[in-house]
Amino acid sequence: MANNDLTARTALAISLKTLKLSGMLDTLDARLTQAAAGDLGFMDFLHVLCLDEINRRDSARTIRLTRKARFAYNATLEGFDLGADNGIPAARIRDLAALEWLHAGQHVLIYGPVGAGKTHLATALADQAIRKGATVRFTTTSKMFADLAGGHADGSWTIRLRAYTRPAVLVLDDFAMREMTGPQTDDLYEVIAERCTTMPAKPVVVTSNRAPADWYGLFPNAVVAESTLDRLVNNAHHLHVDAPSYRARQRPNQPGGSKP
């Protein structure tokens, strides 16, 4: 490369870094080669460099948001076999993947038998939201209760509460597995109420082995139950996954399962 080219490249690198566009340097040589071969005109050259930078930022943002979500494991809709069983509501799931519920501030309640793939679906829908730039927090319901209980003990409850009310999407896995205590239901009410009263409302994605109608009896106080679940159940998409264990279908040495 001629000295003049090196000088120009150094100057360009400095300018791009100043503009916080240094990611363009990663594909600059490839794009210059395309331009020299006549594959890119002046406008095309600039356009594809900008697209490279946009894609790099989108990828970095997705990685950052996925890390902050604290998923139990990474899962996507592409990785879920929607045709594995007639009890999987494939059309409803595809509709939910369009994320209208996110923009409308509507919850998603996924319920069905153990192992049916509810956590995978909840994580996959949250992953779709992340791809659109939304912030997500994933947690099991029991871990959230334990965390907030710790906040009551050490005076950090308000700070800890924000971890569950601030993200655009909250995933509560394994909801309503057992009867709840009074303090737990009070904390749950605060989380749901806070998320529902923001403008726009912030959705909660819930997975449960029990149908929503069975949740009310798990609250020790009927008034708290009605106040909480009225906000959660009546403004939600209900997704009943009535299928055999998804985990069993993934068991090694089973037909269609993974091999050791």
C-alpha atoms as a PDB file:
ATOM      1  CA  MET A   1       0.000   0.000   0.000  1.00  0.00           C
ATOM      2  CA  ALA A   2       1.384   3.398  -0.988  1.00  0.00           C
ATOM      3  CA  ASN A   3       2.368   5.895   1.705  1.00  0.00           C
ATOM      4  CA  ASN A   4      -0.412   8.226   0.620  1.00  0.00           C
ATOM      5  CA  ASP A   5      -2.935   5.396   1.030  1.00  0.00           C
ATOM      6  CA  LEU A   6      -1.566   4.617   4.498  1.00  0.00           C
ATOM      7  CA  THR A   7      -1.819   8.270   5.492  1.00  0.00           C
ATOM      8  CA  ALA A   8      -5.365   8.494   4.180  1.00  0.00           C
ATOM      9  CA  ARG A   9      -6.345   5.284   5.981  1.00  0.00           C
ATOM     10  CA  THR A  10      -4.856   6.537   9.255  1.00  0.00           C
ATOM     11  CA  ALA A  11      -6.710   9.820   8.905  1.00  0.00           C
ATOM     12  CA  LEU A  12      -9.937   7.964   8.094  1.00  0.00           C
ATOM     13  CA  ALA A  13      -9.499   5.701  11.111  1.00  0.00           C
ATOM     14  CA  ILE A  14      -9.055   8.719  13.375  1.00  0.00           C
ATOM     15  CA  SER A  15     -12.152  10.378  11.917  1.00  0.00           C
ATOM     16  CA  LEU A  16     -14.268   7.241  12.294  1.00  0.00           C
ATOM     17  CA  LYS A  17     -13.166   6.790  15.894  1.00  0.00           C
ATOM     18  CA  THR A  18     -14.014  10.425  16.605  1.00  0.00           C
ATOM     19  CA  LEU A  19     -17.485   9.844  15.176  1.00  0.00           C
ATOM     20  CA  LYS A  20     -17.733   6.533  17.101  1.00  0.00           C
ATOM     21  CA  LEU A  21     -17.952   4.646  13.805  1.00  0.00           C
ATOM     22  CA  SER A  22     -14.754   2.642  14.166  1.00  0.00           C
ATOM     23  CA  GLY A  23     -16.658  -0.578  13.515  1.00  0.00           C
ATOM     24  CA  MET A  24     -16.590   0.361   9.835  1.00  0.00           C
ATOM     25  CA  LEU A  25     -12.872  -0.381   9.851  1.00  0.00           C
ATOM     26  CA  ASP A  26     -13.639  -4.094  10.281  1.00  0.00           C
ATOM     27  CA  THR A  27     -15.122  -4.345   6.789  1.00  0.00           C
ATOM     28  CA  LEU A  28     -13.393  -1.385   5.125  1.00  0.00           C
ATOM     29  CA  ASP A  29     -10.806  -3.446   3.220  1.00  0.00           C
ATOM     30  CA  ALA A  30     -13.423  -5.844   1.876  1.00  0.00           C
ATOM     31  CA  ARG A  31     -15.632  -2.978   0.739  1.00  0.00           C
ATOM     32  CA  LEU A  32     -12.658  -1.189  -0.854  1.00  0.00           C
ATOM     33  CA  THR A  33     -11.865  -4.358  -2.792  1.00  0.00           C
ATOM     34  CA  GLN A  34     -15.457  -4.516  -4.011  1.00  0.00           C
ATOM     35  CA  ALA A  35     -15.340  -0.863  -5.029  1.00  0.00           C
ATOM     36  CA  ALA A  36     -12.021  -1.297  -6.864  1.00  0.00           C
ATOM     37  CA  ALA A  37     -13.517  -4.248  -8.759  1.00  0.00           C
ATOM     38  CA  GLY A  38     -16.394  -2.062  -9.869  1.00  0.00           C
ATOM     39  CA  ASP A  39     -18.978  -3.884  -7.765  1.00  0.00           C
ATOM     40  CA  LEU A  40     -19.808  -0.788  -5.730  1.00  0.00           C
ATOM     41  CA  GLY A  41     -20.332   2.779  -6.845  1.00  0.00           C
ATOM     42  CA  PHE A  42     -19.557   5.746  -4.586  1.00  0.00           C
ATOM     43  CA  MET A  43     -23.038   5.847  -3.040  1.00  0.00           C
ATOM     44  CA  ASP A  44     -23.226   2.053  -2.733  1.00  0.00           C
ATOM     45  CA  PHE A  45     -19.820   1.968  -1.048  1.00  0.00           C
ATOM     46  CA  LEU A  46     -20.927   4.467   1.603  1.00  0.00           C
ATOM     47  CA  HIS A  47     -24.276   2.751   2.023  1.00  0.00           C
ATOM     48  CA  VAL A  48     -22.885  -0.739   2.642  1.00  0.00           C
ATOM     49  CA  LEU A  49     -20.333   0.652   5.107  1.00  0.00           C
ATOM     50  CA  CYS A  50     -23.190   2.263   7.025  1.00  0.00           C
ATOM     51  CA  LEU A  51     -25.137  -1.002   6.939  1.00  0.00           C
ATOM     52  CA  ASP A  52     -22.082  -2.835   8.264  1.00  0.00           C
ATOM     53  CA  GLU A  53     -21.942  -0.441  11.200  1.00  0.00           C
ATOM     54  CA  ILE A  54     -25.678  -0.755  11.848  1.00  0.00           C
ATOM     55  CA  ASN A  55     -25.465  -4.554  11.829  1.00  0.00           C
ATOM     56  CA  ARG A  56     -22.453  -4.496  14.145  1.00  0.00           C
ATOM     57  CA  ARG A  57     -24.276  -2.279  16.627  1.00  0.00           C
ATOM     58  CA  ASP A  58     -27.433  -4.386  16.460  1.00  0.00           C
ATOM     59  CA  SER A  59     -25.410  -7.525  17.129  1.00  0.00           C
ATOM     60  CA  ALA A  60     -23.563  -5.926  20.041  1.00  0.00           C
ATOM     61  CA  ARG A  61     -26.848  -4.649  21.511  1.00  0.00           C
ATOM     62  CA  THR A  62     -28.479  -8.062  21.230  1.00  0.00           C
ATOM     63  CA  ILE A  63     -25.543  -9.721  22.980  1.00  0.00           C
ATOM     64  CA  ARG A  64     -25.618  -7.091  25.731  1.00  0.00           C
ATOM     65  CA  LEU A  65     -29.384  -7.338  26.286  1.00  0.00           C
ATOM     66  CA  THR A  66     -29.301 -11.137  26.245  1.00  0.00           C
ATOM     67  CA  ARG A  67     -26.597 -11.148  28.910  1.00  0.00           C
ATOM     68  CA  LYS A  68     -28.591  -8.731  31.081  1.00  0.00           C
ATOM     69  CA  ALA A  69     -31.756 -10.822  30.719  1.00  0.00           C
ATOM     70  CA  ARG A  70     -30.219 -13.653  32.797  1.00  0.00           C
ATOM     71  CA  PHE A  71     -31.977 -16.430  30.923  1.00  0.00           C
ATOM     72  CA  ALA A  72     -31.763 -19.901  32.430  1.00  0.00           C
ATOM     73  CA  TYR A  73     -30.636 -20.956  28.958  1.00  0.00           C
ATOM     74  CA  ASN A  74     -30.776 -19.425  25.511  1.00  0.00           C
ATOM     75  CA  ALA A  75     -33.762 -20.489  23.416  1.00  0.00           C
ATOM     76  CA  THR A  76     -35.286 -19.291  20.165  1.00  0.00           C
ATOM     77  CA  LEU A  77     -38.520 -19.880  18.308  1.00  0.00           C
ATOM     78  CA  GLU A  78     -36.477 -21.298  15.457  1.00  0.00           C
ATOM     79  CA  GLY A  79     -35.277 -23.979  17.863  1.00  0.00           C
ATOM     80  CA  PHE A  80     -38.782 -25.046  18.945  1.00  0.00           C
ATOM     81  CA  ASP A  81     -40.532 -27.759  16.952  1.00  0.00           C
ATOM     82  CA  LEU A  82     -43.996 -26.251  16.542  1.00  0.00           C
ATOM     83  CA  GLY A  83     -45.214 -29.323  14.696  1.00  0.00           C
ATOM     84  CA  ALA A  84     -44.123 -31.877  17.283  1.00  0.00           C
ATOM     85  CA  ASP A  85     -47.593 -32.350  18.749  1.00  0.00           C
ATOM     86  CA  ASN A  86     -51.160 -31.274  18.000  1.00  0.00           C
ATOM     87  CA  GLY A  87     -51.373 -29.821  21.504  1.00  0.00           C
ATOM     88  CA  ILE A  88     -48.880 -27.092  20.601  1.00  0.00           C
ATOM     89  CA  PRO A  89     -50.837 -24.011  19.425  1.00  0.00           C
ATOM     90  CA  ALA A  90     -48.468 -23.221  16.554  1.00  0.00           C
ATOM     91  CA  ALA A  91     -50.614 -20.510  14.944  1.00  0.00           C
ATOM     92  CA  ARG A  92     -51.019 -18.645  18.249  1.00  0.00           C
ATOM     93  CA  ILE A  93     -47.284 -18.857  18.901  1.00  0.00           C
ATOM     94  CA  ARG A  94     -46.497 -17.434  15.466  1.00  0.00           C
ATOM     95  CA  ASP A  95     -48.926 -14.586  16.141  1.00  0.00           C
ATOM     96  CA  LEU A  96     -47.231 -13.840  19.463  1.00  0.00           C
ATOM     97  CA  ALA A  97     -43.846 -13.804  17.717  1.00  0.00           C
ATOM     98  CA  ALA A  98     -45.012 -10.646  15.925  1.00  0.00           C
ATOM     99  CA  LEU A  99     -44.791  -8.900  19.350  1.00  0.00           C
ATOM    100  CA  GLU A 100     -48.049  -6.971  19.158  1.00  0.00           C
ATOM    101  CA  TRP A 101     -48.508  -7.876  22.841  1.00  0.00           C
ATOM    102  CA  LEU A 102     -45.284  -6.059  23.660  1.00  0.00           C
ATOM    103  CA  HIS A 103     -46.333  -2.846  21.954  1.00  0.00           C
ATOM    104  CA  ALA A 104     -49.834  -3.059  23.452  1.00  0.00           C
ATOM    105  CA  GLY A 105     -48.565  -3.699  26.990  1.00  0.00           C
ATOM    106  CA  GLN A 106     -50.364  -7.060  27.199  1.00  0.00           C
ATOM    107  CA  HIS A 107     -49.188 -10.045  29.229  1.00  0.00           C
ATOM    108  CA  VAL A 108     -48.603 -13.584  27.967  1.00  0.00           C
ATOM    109  CA  LEU A 109     -49.633 -16.528  30.159  1.00  0.00           C
ATOM    110  CA  ILE A 110     -48.186 -19.879  29.076  1.00  0.00           C
ATOM    111  CA  TYR A 111     -49.521 -22.869  30.977  1.00  0.00           C
ATOM    112  CA  GLY A 112     -49.652 -26.630  30.591  1.00  0.00           C
ATOM    113  CA  PRO A 113     -48.188 -29.874  31.923  1.00  0.00           C
ATOM    114  CA  VAL A 114     -44.645 -30.312  33.184  1.00  0.00           C
ATOM    115  CA  GLY A 115     -41.999 -30.427  30.470  1.00  0.00           C
ATOM    116  CA  ALA A 116     -44.227 -29.193  27.630  1.00  0.00           C
ATOM    117  CA  GLY A 117     -41.749 -26.490  26.595  1.00  0.00           C
ATOM    118  CA  LYS A 118     -43.271 -23.522  28.402  1.00  0.00           C
ATOM    119  CA  THR A 119     -39.946 -22.074  29.573  1.00  0.00           C
ATOM    120  CA  HIS A 120     -38.489 -22.491  26.098  1.00  0.00           C
ATOM    121  CA  LEU A 121     -41.423 -20.608  24.569  1.00  0.00           C
ATOM    122  CA  ALA A 122     -41.294 -17.818  27.165  1.00  0.00           C
ATOM    123  CA  THR A 123     -37.556 -17.417  26.638  1.00  0.00           C
ATOM    124  CA  ALA A 124     -38.003 -17.493  22.864  1.00  0.00           C
ATOM    125  CA  LEU A 125     -40.657 -14.759  22.951  1.00  0.00           C
ATOM    126  CA  ALA A 126     -38.387 -12.683  25.173  1.00  0.00           C
ATOM    127  CA  ASP A 127     -35.574 -13.300  22.694  1.00  0.00           C
ATOM    128  CA  GLN A 128     -37.816 -11.924  19.942  1.00  0.00           C
ATOM    129  CA  ALA A 129     -38.347  -8.808  22.065  1.00  0.00           C
ATOM    130  CA  ILE A 130     -34.598  -8.422  22.577  1.00  0.00           C
ATOM    131  CA  ARG A 131     -34.045  -8.570  18.812  1.00  0.00           C
ATOM    132  CA  LYS A 132     -36.274  -5.488  18.603  1.00  0.00           C
ATOM    133  CA  GLY A 133     -34.224  -3.712  21.250  1.00  0.00           C
ATOM    134  CA  ALA A 134     -36.411  -4.356  24.310  1.00  0.00           C
ATOM    135  CA  THR A 135     -34.912  -4.920  27.745  1.00  0.00           C
ATOM    136  CA  VAL A 136     -35.796  -8.216  29.449  1.00  0.00           C
ATOM    137  CA  ARG A 137     -35.460  -9.763  32.894  1.00  0.00           C
ATOM    138  CA  PHE A 138     -35.905 -13.519  33.339  1.00  0.00           C
ATOM    139  CA  THR A 139     -36.348 -15.103  36.759  1.00  0.00           C
ATOM    140  CA  THR A 140     -38.123 -17.949  38.443  1.00  0.00           C
ATOM    141  CA  THR A 141     -40.910 -16.730  40.674  1.00  0.00           C
ATOM    142  CA  SER A 142     -39.327 -18.328  43.754  1.00  0.00           C
ATOM    143  CA  LYS A 143     -36.026 -16.517  43.143  1.00  0.00           C
ATOM    144  CA  MET A 144     -37.828 -13.192  42.792  1.00  0.00           C
ATOM    145  CA  PHE A 145     -39.643 -13.777  46.086  1.00  0.00           C
ATOM    146  CA  ALA A 146     -36.382 -14.677  47.823  1.00  0.00           C
ATOM    147  CA  ASP A 147     -34.624 -11.628  46.388  1.00  0.00           C
ATOM    148  CA  LEU A 148     -37.371  -9.237  47.471  1.00  0.00           C
ATOM    149  CA  ALA A 149     -37.524 -10.858  50.908  1.00  0.00           C
ATOM    150  CA  GLY A 150     -33.818 -10.107  51.252  1.00  0.00           C
ATOM    151  CA  GLY A 151     -34.587  -6.515  50.375  1.00  0.00           C
ATOM    152  CA  HIS A 152     -37.078  -6.284  53.229  1.00  0.00           C
ATOM    153  CA  ALA A 153     -34.410  -7.642  55.560  1.00  0.00           C
ATOM    154  CA  ASP A 154     -31.594  -5.274  54.629  1.00  0.00           C
ATOM    155  CA  GLY A 155     -33.552  -2.191  53.593  1.00  0.00           C
ATOM    156  CA  SER A 156     -32.799  -2.507  49.864  1.00  0.00           C
ATOM    157  CA  TRP A 157     -36.322  -3.559  48.827  1.00  0.00           C
ATOM    158  CA  THR A 158     -37.013  -0.477  46.725  1.00  0.00           C
ATOM    159  CA  ILE A 159     -33.777  -0.922  44.800  1.00  0.00           C
ATOM    160  CA  ARG A 160     -34.399  -4.628  44.273  1.00  0.00           C
ATOM    161  CA  LEU A 161     -37.977  -3.993  43.184  1.00  0.00           C
ATOM    162  CA  ARG A 162     -36.742  -1.868  40.287  1.00  0.00           C
ATOM    163  CA  ALA A 163     -34.928  -4.884  38.838  1.00  0.00           C
ATOM    164  CA  TYR A 164     -38.376  -6.393  38.165  1.00  0.00           C
ATOM    165  CA  THR A 165     -40.323  -3.260  37.262  1.00  0.00           C
ATOM    166  CA  ARG A 166     -37.834  -1.451  35.024  1.00  0.00           C
ATOM    167  CA  PRO A 167     -37.283  -3.908  32.106  1.00  0.00           C
ATOM    168  CA  ALA A 168     -39.699  -3.744  29.185  1.00  0.00           C
ATOM    169  CA  VAL A 169     -40.473  -7.474  29.571  1.00  0.00           C
ATOM    170  CA  LEU A 170     -40.449  -9.533  32.768  1.00  0.00           C
ATOM    171  CA  VAL A 171     -40.477 -13.327  32.474  1.00  0.00           C
ATOM    172  CA  LEU A 172     -41.772 -15.090  35.603  1.00  0.00           C
ATOM    173  CA  ASP A 173     -41.001 -18.779  35.208  1.00  0.00           C
ATOM    174  CA  ASP A 174     -42.630 -21.512  37.331  1.00  0.00           C
ATOM    175  CA  PHE A 175     -45.427 -19.268  38.572  1.00  0.00           C
ATOM    176  CA  ALA A 176     -48.004 -20.585  41.056  1.00  0.00           C
ATOM    177  CA  MET A 177     -46.209 -23.811  41.875  1.00  0.00           C
ATOM    178  CA  ARG A 178     -47.298 -23.715  45.530  1.00  0.00           C
ATOM    179  CA  GLU A 179     -49.273 -21.637  48.001  1.00  0.00           C
ATOM    180  CA  MET A 180     -47.800 -18.203  48.615  1.00  0.00           C
ATOM    181  CA  THR A 181     -47.247 -16.374  51.868  1.00  0.00           C
ATOM    182  CA  GLY A 182     -48.743 -13.004  52.678  1.00  0.00           C
ATOM    183  CA  PRO A 183     -45.450 -11.109  52.162  1.00  0.00           C
ATOM    184  CA  GLN A 184     -44.875 -12.898  48.858  1.00  0.00           C
ATOM    185  CA  THR A 185     -48.285 -11.952  47.506  1.00  0.00           C
ATOM    186  CA  ASP A 186     -47.782  -8.368  48.663  1.00  0.00           C
ATOM    187  CA  ASP A 187     -44.496  -8.236  46.750  1.00  0.00           C
ATOM    188  CA  LEU A 188     -46.093  -9.823  43.697  1.00  0.00           C
ATOM    189  CA  TYR A 189     -48.873  -7.234  43.769  1.00  0.00           C
ATOM    190  CA  GLU A 190     -46.332  -4.411  43.859  1.00  0.00           C
ATOM    191  CA  VAL A 191     -44.431  -5.840  40.873  1.00  0.00           C
ATOM    192  CA  ILE A 192     -47.560  -6.399  38.770  1.00  0.00           C
ATOM    193  CA  ALA A 193     -49.227  -3.122  39.738  1.00  0.00           C
ATOM    194  CA  GLU A 194     -46.096  -1.088  39.017  1.00  0.00           C
ATOM    195  CA  ARG A 195     -45.655  -2.688  35.610  1.00  0.00           C
ATOM    196  CA  CYS A 196     -49.324  -2.199  34.724  1.00  0.00           C
ATOM    197  CA  THR A 197     -49.522   1.461  35.735  1.00  0.00           C
ATOM    198  CA  THR A 198     -46.570   2.704  33.684  1.00  0.00           C
ATOM    199  CA  MET A 199     -47.279   4.285  30.312  1.00  0.00           C
ATOM    200  CA  PRO A 200     -47.094   2.260  28.232  1.00  0.00           C
ATOM    201  CA  ALA A 201     -47.734  -0.793  30.383  1.00  0.00           C
ATOM    202  CA  LYS A 202     -44.913  -3.334  30.605  1.00  0.00           C
ATOM    203  CA  PRO A 203     -45.805  -6.954  29.842  1.00  0.00           C
ATOM    204  CA  VAL A 204     -45.173  -9.973  32.044  1.00  0.00           C
ATOM    205  CA  VAL A 205     -44.635 -13.369  30.455  1.00  0.00           C
ATOM    206  CA  VAL A 206     -45.662 -16.120  32.881  1.00  0.00           C
ATOM    207  CA  THR A 207     -45.161 -19.881  32.737  1.00  0.00           C
ATOM    208  CA  SER A 208     -47.146 -22.160  34.995  1.00  0.00           C
ATOM    209  CA  ASN A 209     -48.139 -25.794  35.424  1.00  0.00           C
ATOM    210  CA  ARG A 210     -51.551 -24.595  36.607  1.00  0.00           C
ATOM    211  CA  ALA A 211     -54.307 -22.902  34.629  1.00  0.00           C
ATOM    212  CA  PRO A 212     -54.936 -19.241  35.613  1.00  0.00           C
ATOM    213  CA  ALA A 213     -58.278 -20.157  37.180  1.00  0.00           C
ATOM    214  CA  ASP A 214     -56.368 -22.221  39.743  1.00  0.00           C
ATOM    215  CA  TRP A 215     -54.066 -19.410  40.828  1.00  0.00           C
ATOM    216  CA  TYR A 216     -56.555 -17.590  43.031  1.00  0.00           C
ATOM    217  CA  GLY A 217     -56.612 -20.304  45.688  1.00  0.00           C
ATOM    218  CA  LEU A 218     -52.844 -20.010  46.199  1.00  0.00           C
ATOM    219  CA  PHE A 219     -53.208 -16.516  47.725  1.00  0.00           C
ATOM    220  CA  PRO A 220     -53.881 -16.321  51.473  1.00  0.00           C
ATOM    221  CA  ASN A 221     -55.855 -13.103  50.983  1.00  0.00           C
ATOM    222  CA  ALA A 222     -58.710 -13.073  48.463  1.00  0.00           C
ATOM    223  CA  VAL A 223     -58.601  -9.294  48.043  1.00  0.00           C
ATOM    224  CA  VAL A 224     -54.891  -9.320  47.167  1.00  0.00           C
ATOM    225  CA  ALA A 225     -55.503 -12.238  44.821  1.00  0.00           C
ATOM    226  CA  GLU A 226     -58.268 -10.419  42.966  1.00  0.00           C
ATOM    227  CA  SER A 227     -56.331  -7.150  42.804  1.00  0.00           C
ATOM    228  CA  THR A 228     -53.201  -8.856  41.480  1.00  0.00           C
ATOM    229  CA  LEU A 229     -54.715 -11.371  39.091  1.00  0.00           C
ATOM    230  CA  ASP A 230     -57.273  -8.944  37.677  1.00  0.00           C
ATOM    231  CA  ARG A 231     -54.330  -6.952  36.335  1.00  0.00           C
ATOM    232  CA  LEU A 232     -52.416 -10.028  35.188  1.00  0.00           C
ATOM    233  CA  VAL A 233     -55.047 -12.432  33.860  1.00  0.00           C
ATOM    234  CA  ASN A 234     -57.582 -10.126  32.234  1.00  0.00           C
ATOM    235  CA  ASN A 235     -55.080  -8.226  30.111  1.00  0.00           C
ATOM    236  CA  ALA A 236     -53.249 -11.257  28.787  1.00  0.00           C
ATOM    237  CA  HIS A 237     -52.908 -13.674  25.911  1.00  0.00           C
ATOM    238  CA  HIS A 238     -53.572 -17.183  27.233  1.00  0.00           C
ATOM    239  CA  LEU A 239     -51.430 -19.868  25.645  1.00  0.00           C
ATOM    240  CA  HIS A 240     -52.318 -23.415  26.668  1.00  0.00           C
ATOM    241  CA  VAL A 241     -49.568 -25.862  25.654  1.00  0.00           C
ATOM    242  CA  ASP A 242     -51.169 -29.277  26.070  1.00  0.00           C
ATOM    243  CA  ALA A 243     -48.383 -31.520  24.813  1.00  0.00           C
ATOM    244  CA  PRO A 244     -46.269 -34.424  26.096  1.00  0.00           C
ATOM    245  CA  SER A 245     -42.963 -33.618  27.741  1.00  0.00           C
ATOM    246  CA  TYR A 246     -40.716 -31.614  25.446  1.00  0.00           C
ATOM    247  CA  ARG A 247     -37.756 -32.770  27.514  1.00  0.00           C
ATOM    248  CA  ALA A 248     -38.650 -36.395  26.814  1.00  0.00           C
ATOM    249  CA  ARG A 249     -38.547 -35.683  23.090  1.00  0.00           C
ATOM    250  CA  GLN A 250     -35.011 -34.359  23.551  1.00  0.00           C
ATOM    251  CA  ARG A 251     -33.829 -37.364  25.593  1.00  0.00           C
ATOM    252  CA  PRO A 252     -30.700 -39.041  24.177  1.00  0.00           C
ATOM    253  CA  ASN A 253     -31.301 -42.245  22.190  1.00  0.00           C
ATOM    254  CA  GLN A 254     -34.978 -41.415  21.688  1.00  0.00           C
ATOM    255  CA  PRO A 255     -36.388 -41.166  18.146  1.00  0.00           C
ATOM    256  CA  GLY A 256     -35.676 -37.630  17.046  1.00  0.00           C
ATOM    257  CA  GLY A 257     -33.666 -36.927  20.205  1.00  0.00           C
ATOM    258  CA  SER A 258     -30.041 -35.958  20.485  1.00  0.00           C
ATOM    259  CA  LYS A 259     -27.313 -38.615  20.367  1.00  0.00           C
ATOM    260  CA  PRO A 260     -24.564 -38.979  22.994  1.00  0.00           C
END
